[in-house]
Amino acid sequence: MRHVRLPSRPLHHGLRATLAALAVATFGLIGLVGLQPARAAEPAGVPDTIEQRVAACIACHGRQGSTGNAAFFPRLAGKPAGYLFNQLRSFRDGRRSNTDMNYMVRHMSDAYLQEIADYFAGLDLPYAAVSPTSDAPPAQLARGRQLALEGDATRNIPACVHCHGAALTGVQPAIPGLLGLPRLYVSSQLGAWLTNERHALAPDCMAEIGRRMTTADINAVASWLAVQPMPANPKPVSAPAAPLPMACGGMQ
């Protein structure tokens, strides 16, 4: 009897198509499983420390408040705590005007402002190198030196050293140093007293002095201060060497 050979080609192709479809489906499922997002890691807790809470300050004042003298913003590190506290209160209470500072501290308590002041006052960080060169004319620098070290008796302007210390590094508890500060910052703040835009706790001695100075005086003393090197010990002295030439708020 003659055997009839059944055609195998259609069956072979059908099987091959079925296996291919299964393979695609299998690898597709594996791929979908592999693409599933991993379980989100638990968020790390933010430490509740004074260092973390004052981190916003470094955006303007530099790392830990130690901005260099080429910037506009003043250094905070190592300033007398009483001075920093008084300035924070003045920003909060409207005696000083700066949009960012006024906004940041407007709801802070005295205790919190004191904590911030104590933190920055306790930092002992090196000062940026000071360039000894200036584009100010020699006569302007000479006038600035005179105002800083001798004052101007004809207009009843006391020397800077009489209040800010013989080395101009500040006096505890509330008089800041004048060295290591940006020239534009010093001139702008003196100018703000001249134009009655900045105020301090009464009696506001700097307002009185500022109004006795001319714009030329302000530019001169700011230019001279900006090129003075920091002394070996840049910290504020513990007390005035002699009675202050006039009463100043915060130093009673």
C-alpha atoms as a PDB file:
ATOM      1  CA  MET A   1       0.000   0.000   0.000  1.00  0.00           C
ATOM      2  CA  ARG A   2       1.402   3.341  -0.967  1.00  0.00           C
ATOM      3  CA  HIS A   3       1.892   5.757   1.916  1.00  0.00           C
ATOM      4  CA  VAL A   4       0.656   9.243   1.456  1.00  0.00           C
ATOM      5  CA  ARG A   5       3.127  11.856   2.848  1.00  0.00           C
ATOM      6  CA  LEU A   6       1.269  14.685   4.490  1.00  0.00           C
ATOM      7  CA  PRO A   7       2.545  18.158   3.750  1.00  0.00           C
ATOM      8  CA  SER A   8       4.624  19.392   6.728  1.00  0.00           C
ATOM      9  CA  ARG A   9       5.499  22.910   5.605  1.00  0.00           C
ATOM     10  CA  PRO A  10       2.277  24.614   6.746  1.00  0.00           C
ATOM     11  CA  LEU A  11       2.508  22.852  10.144  1.00  0.00           C
ATOM     12  CA  HIS A  12       6.201  23.780  10.509  1.00  0.00           C
ATOM     13  CA  HIS A  13       5.552  27.446   9.798  1.00  0.00           C
ATOM     14  CA  GLY A  14       2.571  27.565  12.108  1.00  0.00           C
ATOM     15  CA  LEU A  15       4.599  26.107  14.965  1.00  0.00           C
ATOM     16  CA  ARG A  16       7.405  28.517  14.307  1.00  0.00           C
ATOM     17  CA  ALA A  17       5.000  31.469  14.399  1.00  0.00           C
ATOM     18  CA  THR A  18       3.504  30.255  17.663  1.00  0.00           C
ATOM     19  CA  LEU A  19       6.924  29.911  19.321  1.00  0.00           C
ATOM     20  CA  ALA A  20       7.941  33.349  18.095  1.00  0.00           C
ATOM     21  CA  ALA A  21       4.799  34.895  19.535  1.00  0.00           C
ATOM     22  CA  LEU A  22       5.415  33.185  22.873  1.00  0.00           C
ATOM     23  CA  ALA A  23       8.986  34.450  22.911  1.00  0.00           C
ATOM     24  CA  VAL A  24       7.899  38.011  22.211  1.00  0.00           C
ATOM     25  CA  ALA A  25       5.285  37.852  24.924  1.00  0.00           C
ATOM     26  CA  THR A  26       7.726  36.353  27.431  1.00  0.00           C
ATOM     27  CA  PHE A  27      10.475  38.886  26.825  1.00  0.00           C
ATOM     28  CA  GLY A  28       7.895  41.653  26.788  1.00  0.00           C
ATOM     29  CA  LEU A  29       6.735  40.679  30.260  1.00  0.00           C
ATOM     30  CA  ILE A  30      10.337  40.500  31.460  1.00  0.00           C
ATOM     31  CA  GLY A  31      10.965  43.951  30.014  1.00  0.00           C
ATOM     32  CA  LEU A  32       7.892  45.394  31.662  1.00  0.00           C
ATOM     33  CA  VAL A  33       8.926  43.942  34.982  1.00  0.00           C
ATOM     34  CA  GLY A  34      12.419  45.382  34.526  1.00  0.00           C
ATOM     35  CA  LEU A  35      11.027  48.840  33.743  1.00  0.00           C
ATOM     36  CA  GLN A  36       8.956  49.058  36.880  1.00  0.00           C
ATOM     37  CA  PRO A  37      10.237  51.923  39.039  1.00  0.00           C
ATOM     38  CA  ALA A  38      12.141  50.888  42.112  1.00  0.00           C
ATOM     39  CA  ARG A  39      10.599  51.683  45.437  1.00  0.00           C
ATOM     40  CA  ALA A  40      11.442  55.267  46.309  1.00  0.00           C
ATOM     41  CA  ALA A  41      14.114  55.593  48.952  1.00  0.00           C
ATOM     42  CA  GLU A  42      13.030  57.021  52.228  1.00  0.00           C
ATOM     43  CA  PRO A  43      13.811  60.770  52.243  1.00  0.00           C
ATOM     44  CA  ALA A  44      16.754  61.659  54.443  1.00  0.00           C
ATOM     45  CA  GLY A  45      15.847  63.777  57.400  1.00  0.00           C
ATOM     46  CA  VAL A  46      17.106  67.386  57.381  1.00  0.00           C
ATOM     47  CA  PRO A  47      19.129  68.040  60.530  1.00  0.00           C
ATOM     48  CA  ASP A  48      17.634  70.744  62.708  1.00  0.00           C
ATOM     49  CA  THR A  49      20.853  72.614  63.430  1.00  0.00           C
ATOM     50  CA  ILE A  50      21.752  76.285  63.400  1.00  0.00           C
ATOM     51  CA  GLU A  51      24.182  75.567  60.550  1.00  0.00           C
ATOM     52  CA  GLN A  52      21.341  74.209  58.422  1.00  0.00           C
ATOM     53  CA  ARG A  53      18.953  77.003  59.365  1.00  0.00           C
ATOM     54  CA  VAL A  54      21.332  79.799  58.372  1.00  0.00           C
ATOM     55  CA  ALA A  55      22.306  78.119  55.090  1.00  0.00           C
ATOM     56  CA  ALA A  56      20.280  80.720  53.188  1.00  0.00           C
ATOM     57  CA  CYS A  57      22.733  83.390  54.330  1.00  0.00           C
ATOM     58  CA  ILE A  58      25.616  81.950  52.286  1.00  0.00           C
ATOM     59  CA  ALA A  59      23.867  82.787  49.004  1.00  0.00           C
ATOM     60  CA  CYS A  60      24.916  86.410  49.535  1.00  0.00           C
ATOM     61  CA  HIS A  61      27.415  86.430  52.388  1.00  0.00           C
ATOM     62  CA  GLY A  62      29.540  83.519  51.189  1.00  0.00           C
ATOM     63  CA  ARG A  63      30.503  80.223  52.800  1.00  0.00           C
ATOM     64  CA  GLN A  64      29.736  80.478  56.497  1.00  0.00           C
ATOM     65  CA  GLY A  65      29.435  84.234  56.136  1.00  0.00           C
ATOM     66  CA  SER A  66      33.067  84.760  55.142  1.00  0.00           C
ATOM     67  CA  THR A  67      32.598  86.620  51.872  1.00  0.00           C
ATOM     68  CA  GLY A  68      35.688  88.120  50.255  1.00  0.00           C
ATOM     69  CA  ASN A  69      36.366  91.831  49.938  1.00  0.00           C
ATOM     70  CA  ALA A  70      35.654  91.801  46.195  1.00  0.00           C
ATOM     71  CA  ALA A  71      31.939  91.235  46.699  1.00  0.00           C
ATOM     72  CA  PHE A  72      29.285  93.756  47.712  1.00  0.00           C
ATOM     73  CA  PHE A  73      27.972  91.898  50.743  1.00  0.00           C
ATOM     74  CA  PRO A  74      29.693  92.228  54.127  1.00  0.00           C
ATOM     75  CA  ARG A  75      31.464  89.516  56.042  1.00  0.00           C
ATOM     76  CA  LEU A  76      29.535  88.078  58.981  1.00  0.00           C
ATOM     77  CA  ALA A  77      32.005  85.596  60.444  1.00  0.00           C
ATOM     78  CA  GLY A  78      33.733  86.834  63.569  1.00  0.00           C
ATOM     79  CA  LYS A  79      31.799  90.104  63.889  1.00  0.00           C
ATOM     80  CA  PRO A  80      30.751  91.053  67.444  1.00  0.00           C
ATOM     81  CA  ALA A  81      27.551  89.242  68.356  1.00  0.00           C
ATOM     82  CA  GLY A  82      25.978  92.425  69.701  1.00  0.00           C
ATOM     83  CA  TYR A  83      26.570  94.206  66.420  1.00  0.00           C
ATOM     84  CA  LEU A  84      25.093  91.360  64.346  1.00  0.00           C
ATOM     85  CA  PHE A  85      22.091  91.128  66.665  1.00  0.00           C
ATOM     86  CA  ASN A  86      21.453  94.873  66.436  1.00  0.00           C
ATOM     87  CA  GLN A  87      21.624  94.792  62.630  1.00  0.00           C
ATOM     88  CA  LEU A  88      19.238  91.844  62.388  1.00  0.00           C
ATOM     89  CA  ARG A  89      16.794  93.671  64.649  1.00  0.00           C
ATOM     90  CA  SER A  90      17.162  96.827  62.563  1.00  0.00           C
ATOM     91  CA  PHE A  91      16.286  94.893  59.408  1.00  0.00           C
ATOM     92  CA  ARG A  92      13.310  93.323  61.142  1.00  0.00           C
ATOM     93  CA  ASP A  93      12.089  96.571  62.677  1.00  0.00           C
ATOM     94  CA  GLY A  94      12.647  98.787  59.626  1.00  0.00           C
ATOM     95  CA  ARG A  95      15.660 100.844  60.662  1.00  0.00           C
ATOM     96  CA  ARG A  96      17.637  99.282  57.821  1.00  0.00           C
ATOM     97  CA  SER A  97      16.237  98.584  54.381  1.00  0.00           C
ATOM     98  CA  ASN A  98      17.119  95.613  52.204  1.00  0.00           C
ATOM     99  CA  THR A  99      14.299  93.696  50.550  1.00  0.00           C
ATOM    100  CA  ASP A 100      15.813  90.248  51.049  1.00  0.00           C
ATOM    101  CA  MET A 101      16.928  90.854  54.623  1.00  0.00           C
ATOM    102  CA  ASN A 102      13.665  92.517  55.630  1.00  0.00           C
ATOM    103  CA  TYR A 103      11.712  89.540  54.252  1.00  0.00           C
ATOM    104  CA  MET A 104      13.912  86.886  55.844  1.00  0.00           C
ATOM    105  CA  VAL A 105      13.824  88.205  59.406  1.00  0.00           C
ATOM    106  CA  ARG A 106      10.453  89.924  59.637  1.00  0.00           C
ATOM    107  CA  HIS A 107       8.849  87.152  61.740  1.00  0.00           C
ATOM    108  CA  MET A 108      11.891  86.141  63.805  1.00  0.00           C
ATOM    109  CA  SER A 109      11.982  86.623  67.557  1.00  0.00           C
ATOM    110  CA  ASP A 110      14.773  88.376  69.439  1.00  0.00           C
ATOM    111  CA  ALA A 111      15.894  85.001  70.795  1.00  0.00           C
ATOM    112  CA  TYR A 112      16.216  83.523  67.319  1.00  0.00           C
ATOM    113  CA  LEU A 113      18.061  86.591  66.000  1.00  0.00           C
ATOM    114  CA  GLN A 114      20.452  86.333  68.944  1.00  0.00           C
ATOM    115  CA  GLU A 115      21.069  82.674  68.127  1.00  0.00           C
ATOM    116  CA  ILE A 116      21.953  83.595  64.534  1.00  0.00           C
ATOM    117  CA  ALA A 117      24.216  86.418  65.713  1.00  0.00           C
ATOM    118  CA  ASP A 118      26.008  84.154  68.195  1.00  0.00           C
ATOM    119  CA  TYR A 119      26.580  81.528  65.505  1.00  0.00           C
ATOM    120  CA  PHE A 120      28.275  83.863  63.045  1.00  0.00           C
ATOM    121  CA  ALA A 121      30.182  85.698  65.779  1.00  0.00           C
ATOM    122  CA  GLY A 122      31.677  82.385  66.895  1.00  0.00           C
ATOM    123  CA  LEU A 123      33.122  81.507  63.500  1.00  0.00           C
ATOM    124  CA  ASP A 124      36.884  81.864  63.215  1.00  0.00           C
ATOM    125  CA  LEU A 125      37.628  81.795  59.497  1.00  0.00           C
ATOM    126  CA  PRO A 126      40.525  83.293  57.533  1.00  0.00           C
ATOM    127  CA  TYR A 127      40.018  86.556  55.711  1.00  0.00           C
ATOM    128  CA  ALA A 128      40.442  86.791  51.963  1.00  0.00           C
ATOM    129  CA  ALA A 129      43.679  88.306  50.762  1.00  0.00           C
ATOM    130  CA  VAL A 130      43.519  92.074  50.314  1.00  0.00           C
ATOM    131  CA  SER A 131      44.948  93.661  47.193  1.00  0.00           C
ATOM    132  CA  PRO A 132      47.247  96.538  48.242  1.00  0.00           C
ATOM    133  CA  THR A 133      46.657  98.425  45.007  1.00  0.00           C
ATOM    134  CA  SER A 134      43.866 100.902  44.359  1.00  0.00           C
ATOM    135  CA  ASP A 135      42.674 102.913  41.391  1.00  0.00           C
ATOM    136  CA  ALA A 136      41.929 105.824  43.723  1.00  0.00           C
ATOM    137  CA  PRO A 137      44.169 108.891  43.317  1.00  0.00           C
ATOM    138  CA  PRO A 138      46.905 109.270  45.977  1.00  0.00           C
ATOM    139  CA  ALA A 139      45.278 112.440  47.320  1.00  0.00           C
ATOM    140  CA  GLN A 140      42.012 110.575  47.866  1.00  0.00           C
ATOM    141  CA  LEU A 141      43.780 107.772  49.735  1.00  0.00           C
ATOM    142  CA  ALA A 142      45.604 110.324  51.874  1.00  0.00           C
ATOM    143  CA  ARG A 143      42.294 111.935  52.796  1.00  0.00           C
ATOM    144  CA  GLY A 144      40.851 108.544  53.640  1.00  0.00           C
ATOM    145  CA  ARG A 145      43.811 107.735  55.881  1.00  0.00           C
ATOM    146  CA  GLN A 146      43.386 111.046  57.667  1.00  0.00           C
ATOM    147  CA  LEU A 147      39.711 110.424  58.364  1.00  0.00           C
ATOM    148  CA  ALA A 148      40.342 106.872  59.555  1.00  0.00           C
ATOM    149  CA  LEU A 149      43.303 107.611  61.840  1.00  0.00           C
ATOM    150  CA  GLU A 150      42.931 111.268  62.771  1.00  0.00           C
ATOM    151  CA  GLY A 151      39.420 112.405  61.913  1.00  0.00           C
ATOM    152  CA  ASP A 152      38.586 115.998  60.969  1.00  0.00           C
ATOM    153  CA  ALA A 153      38.323 118.332  63.943  1.00  0.00           C
ATOM    154  CA  THR A 154      37.158 121.234  61.776  1.00  0.00           C
ATOM    155  CA  ARG A 155      33.889 119.372  61.121  1.00  0.00           C
ATOM    156  CA  ASN A 156      33.778 117.434  64.368  1.00  0.00           C
ATOM    157  CA  ILE A 157      34.348 114.085  62.650  1.00  0.00           C
ATOM    158  CA  PRO A 158      36.072 111.644  65.046  1.00  0.00           C
ATOM    159  CA  ALA A 159      38.658 109.241  63.704  1.00  0.00           C
ATOM    160  CA  CYS A 160      37.405 105.745  62.871  1.00  0.00           C
ATOM    161  CA  VAL A 161      39.984 104.257  65.253  1.00  0.00           C
ATOM    162  CA  HIS A 162      38.407 106.078  68.220  1.00  0.00           C
ATOM    163  CA  CYS A 163      35.348 103.827  68.010  1.00  0.00           C
ATOM    164  CA  HIS A 164      36.292 100.835  65.833  1.00  0.00           C
ATOM    165  CA  GLY A 165      39.523 100.032  67.635  1.00  0.00           C
ATOM    166  CA  ALA A 166      43.154 100.979  67.050  1.00  0.00           C
ATOM    167  CA  ALA A 167      43.485  98.139  64.521  1.00  0.00           C
ATOM    168  CA  LEU A 168      40.021  98.831  63.040  1.00  0.00           C
ATOM    169  CA  THR A 169      38.952  95.253  63.778  1.00  0.00           C
ATOM    170  CA  GLY A 170      35.972  96.225  65.940  1.00  0.00           C
ATOM    171  CA  VAL A 171      35.189  96.445  69.648  1.00  0.00           C
ATOM    172  CA  GLN A 172      32.995  94.209  71.783  1.00  0.00           C
ATOM    173  CA  PRO A 173      30.126  93.998  72.235  1.00  0.00           C
ATOM    174  CA  ALA A 174      28.644  95.889  69.295  1.00  0.00           C
ATOM    175  CA  ILE A 175      31.122  97.852  67.145  1.00  0.00           C
ATOM    176  CA  PRO A 176      32.114  96.143  63.881  1.00  0.00           C
ATOM    177  CA  GLY A 177      35.514  95.975  62.236  1.00  0.00           C
ATOM    178  CA  LEU A 178      36.057  98.062  59.113  1.00  0.00           C
ATOM    179  CA  LEU A 179      38.798  96.046  57.444  1.00  0.00           C
ATOM    180  CA  GLY A 180      38.243  93.187  55.022  1.00  0.00           C
ATOM    181  CA  LEU A 181      35.022  94.777  53.754  1.00  0.00           C
ATOM    182  CA  PRO A 182      34.134  95.559  50.132  1.00  0.00           C
ATOM    183  CA  ARG A 183      34.795  99.191  49.212  1.00  0.00           C
ATOM    184  CA  LEU A 184      31.363  99.542  47.636  1.00  0.00           C
ATOM    185  CA  TYR A 185      29.694  98.197  50.752  1.00  0.00           C
ATOM    186  CA  VAL A 186      31.465 100.672  53.048  1.00  0.00           C
ATOM    187  CA  SER A 187      30.737 103.625  50.783  1.00  0.00           C
ATOM    188  CA  SER A 188      27.095 102.629  50.294  1.00  0.00           C
ATOM    189  CA  GLN A 189      26.462 102.307  54.036  1.00  0.00           C
ATOM    190  CA  LEU A 190      28.151 105.606  54.863  1.00  0.00           C
ATOM    191  CA  GLY A 191      26.148 107.160  52.038  1.00  0.00           C
ATOM    192  CA  ALA A 192      22.942 105.712  53.478  1.00  0.00           C
ATOM    193  CA  TRP A 193      23.611 107.557  56.745  1.00  0.00           C
ATOM    194  CA  LEU A 194      24.413 110.714  54.803  1.00  0.00           C
ATOM    195  CA  THR A 195      21.061 110.529  52.988  1.00  0.00           C
ATOM    196  CA  ASN A 196      19.132 109.457  56.117  1.00  0.00           C
ATOM    197  CA  GLU A 197      18.262 106.060  54.623  1.00  0.00           C
ATOM    198  CA  ARG A 198      19.947 103.960  57.311  1.00  0.00           C
ATOM    199  CA  HIS A 199      19.318 104.197  61.045  1.00  0.00           C
ATOM    200  CA  ALA A 200      20.576 102.457  64.146  1.00  0.00           C
ATOM    201  CA  LEU A 201      19.518 102.201  67.759  1.00  0.00           C
ATOM    202  CA  ALA A 202      19.371 105.569  69.476  1.00  0.00           C
ATOM    203  CA  PRO A 203      21.540 107.442  70.002  1.00  0.00           C
ATOM    204  CA  ASP A 204      22.476 106.912  66.358  1.00  0.00           C
ATOM    205  CA  CYS A 205      26.073 108.130  66.431  1.00  0.00           C
ATOM    206  CA  MET A 206      26.873 107.005  62.882  1.00  0.00           C
ATOM    207  CA  ALA A 207      23.962 109.001  61.522  1.00  0.00           C
ATOM    208  CA  GLU A 208      25.443 112.108  63.121  1.00  0.00           C
ATOM    209  CA  ILE A 209      28.927 111.375  61.779  1.00  0.00           C
ATOM    210  CA  GLY A 210      27.651 110.409  58.338  1.00  0.00           C
ATOM    211  CA  ARG A 211      25.804 113.684  57.935  1.00  0.00           C
ATOM    212  CA  ARG A 212      29.008 115.606  58.674  1.00  0.00           C
ATOM    213  CA  MET A 213      30.841 113.843  55.835  1.00  0.00           C
ATOM    214  CA  THR A 214      30.803 114.761  52.177  1.00  0.00           C
ATOM    215  CA  THR A 215      30.532 112.321  49.306  1.00  0.00           C
ATOM    216  CA  ALA A 216      34.240 112.874  48.674  1.00  0.00           C
ATOM    217  CA  ASP A 217      35.007 112.002  52.313  1.00  0.00           C
ATOM    218  CA  ILE A 218      32.984 108.797  52.049  1.00  0.00           C
ATOM    219  CA  ASN A 219      34.707 107.671  48.856  1.00  0.00           C
ATOM    220  CA  ALA A 220      38.089 108.515  50.327  1.00  0.00           C
ATOM    221  CA  VAL A 221      37.756 106.581  53.578  1.00  0.00           C
ATOM    222  CA  ALA A 222      36.090 103.608  51.850  1.00  0.00           C
ATOM    223  CA  SER A 223      38.912 103.454  49.281  1.00  0.00           C
ATOM    224  CA  TRP A 224      41.611 103.614  51.965  1.00  0.00           C
ATOM    225  CA  LEU A 225      40.002 101.003  54.212  1.00  0.00           C
ATOM    226  CA  ALA A 226      39.556  98.580  51.309  1.00  0.00           C
ATOM    227  CA  VAL A 227      43.307  98.241  50.698  1.00  0.00           C
ATOM    228  CA  GLN A 228      44.463  97.866  54.298  1.00  0.00           C
ATOM    229  CA  PRO A 229      45.868  94.434  55.213  1.00  0.00           C
ATOM    230  CA  MET A 230      44.350  92.461  58.022  1.00  0.00           C
ATOM    231  CA  PRO A 231      46.428  92.480  61.218  1.00  0.00           C
ATOM    232  CA  ALA A 232      47.817  89.274  62.674  1.00  0.00           C
ATOM    233  CA  ASN A 233      44.924  89.180  65.138  1.00  0.00           C
ATOM    234  CA  PRO A 234      41.777  90.216  63.240  1.00  0.00           C
ATOM    235  CA  LYS A 235      39.374  89.684  66.159  1.00  0.00           C
ATOM    236  CA  PRO A 236      37.463  92.524  67.825  1.00  0.00           C
ATOM    237  CA  VAL A 237      39.074  93.850  70.984  1.00  0.00           C
ATOM    238  CA  SER A 238      37.293  93.222  74.245  1.00  0.00           C
ATOM    239  CA  ALA A 239      36.650  96.856  75.193  1.00  0.00           C
ATOM    240  CA  PRO A 240      37.352 100.393  73.997  1.00  0.00           C
ATOM    241  CA  ALA A 241      40.816 101.684  74.862  1.00  0.00           C
ATOM    242  CA  ALA A 242      39.282 105.012  75.905  1.00  0.00           C
ATOM    243  CA  PRO A 243      35.791 106.458  76.326  1.00  0.00           C
ATOM    244  CA  LEU A 244      33.983 106.761  73.015  1.00  0.00           C
ATOM    245  CA  PRO A 245      33.909 110.280  71.580  1.00  0.00           C
ATOM    246  CA  MET A 246      30.104 110.190  71.515  1.00  0.00           C
ATOM    247  CA  ALA A 247      27.267 108.009  72.788  1.00  0.00           C
ATOM    248  CA  CYS A 248      26.299 105.150  70.481  1.00  0.00           C
ATOM    249  CA  GLY A 249      23.280 102.863  70.702  1.00  0.00           C
ATOM    250  CA  GLY A 250      24.116  99.291  71.715  1.00  0.00           C
ATOM    251  CA  MET A 251      27.363 100.310  73.480  1.00  0.00           C
ATOM    252  CA  GLN A 252      25.952 101.838  76.649  1.00  0.00           C
END
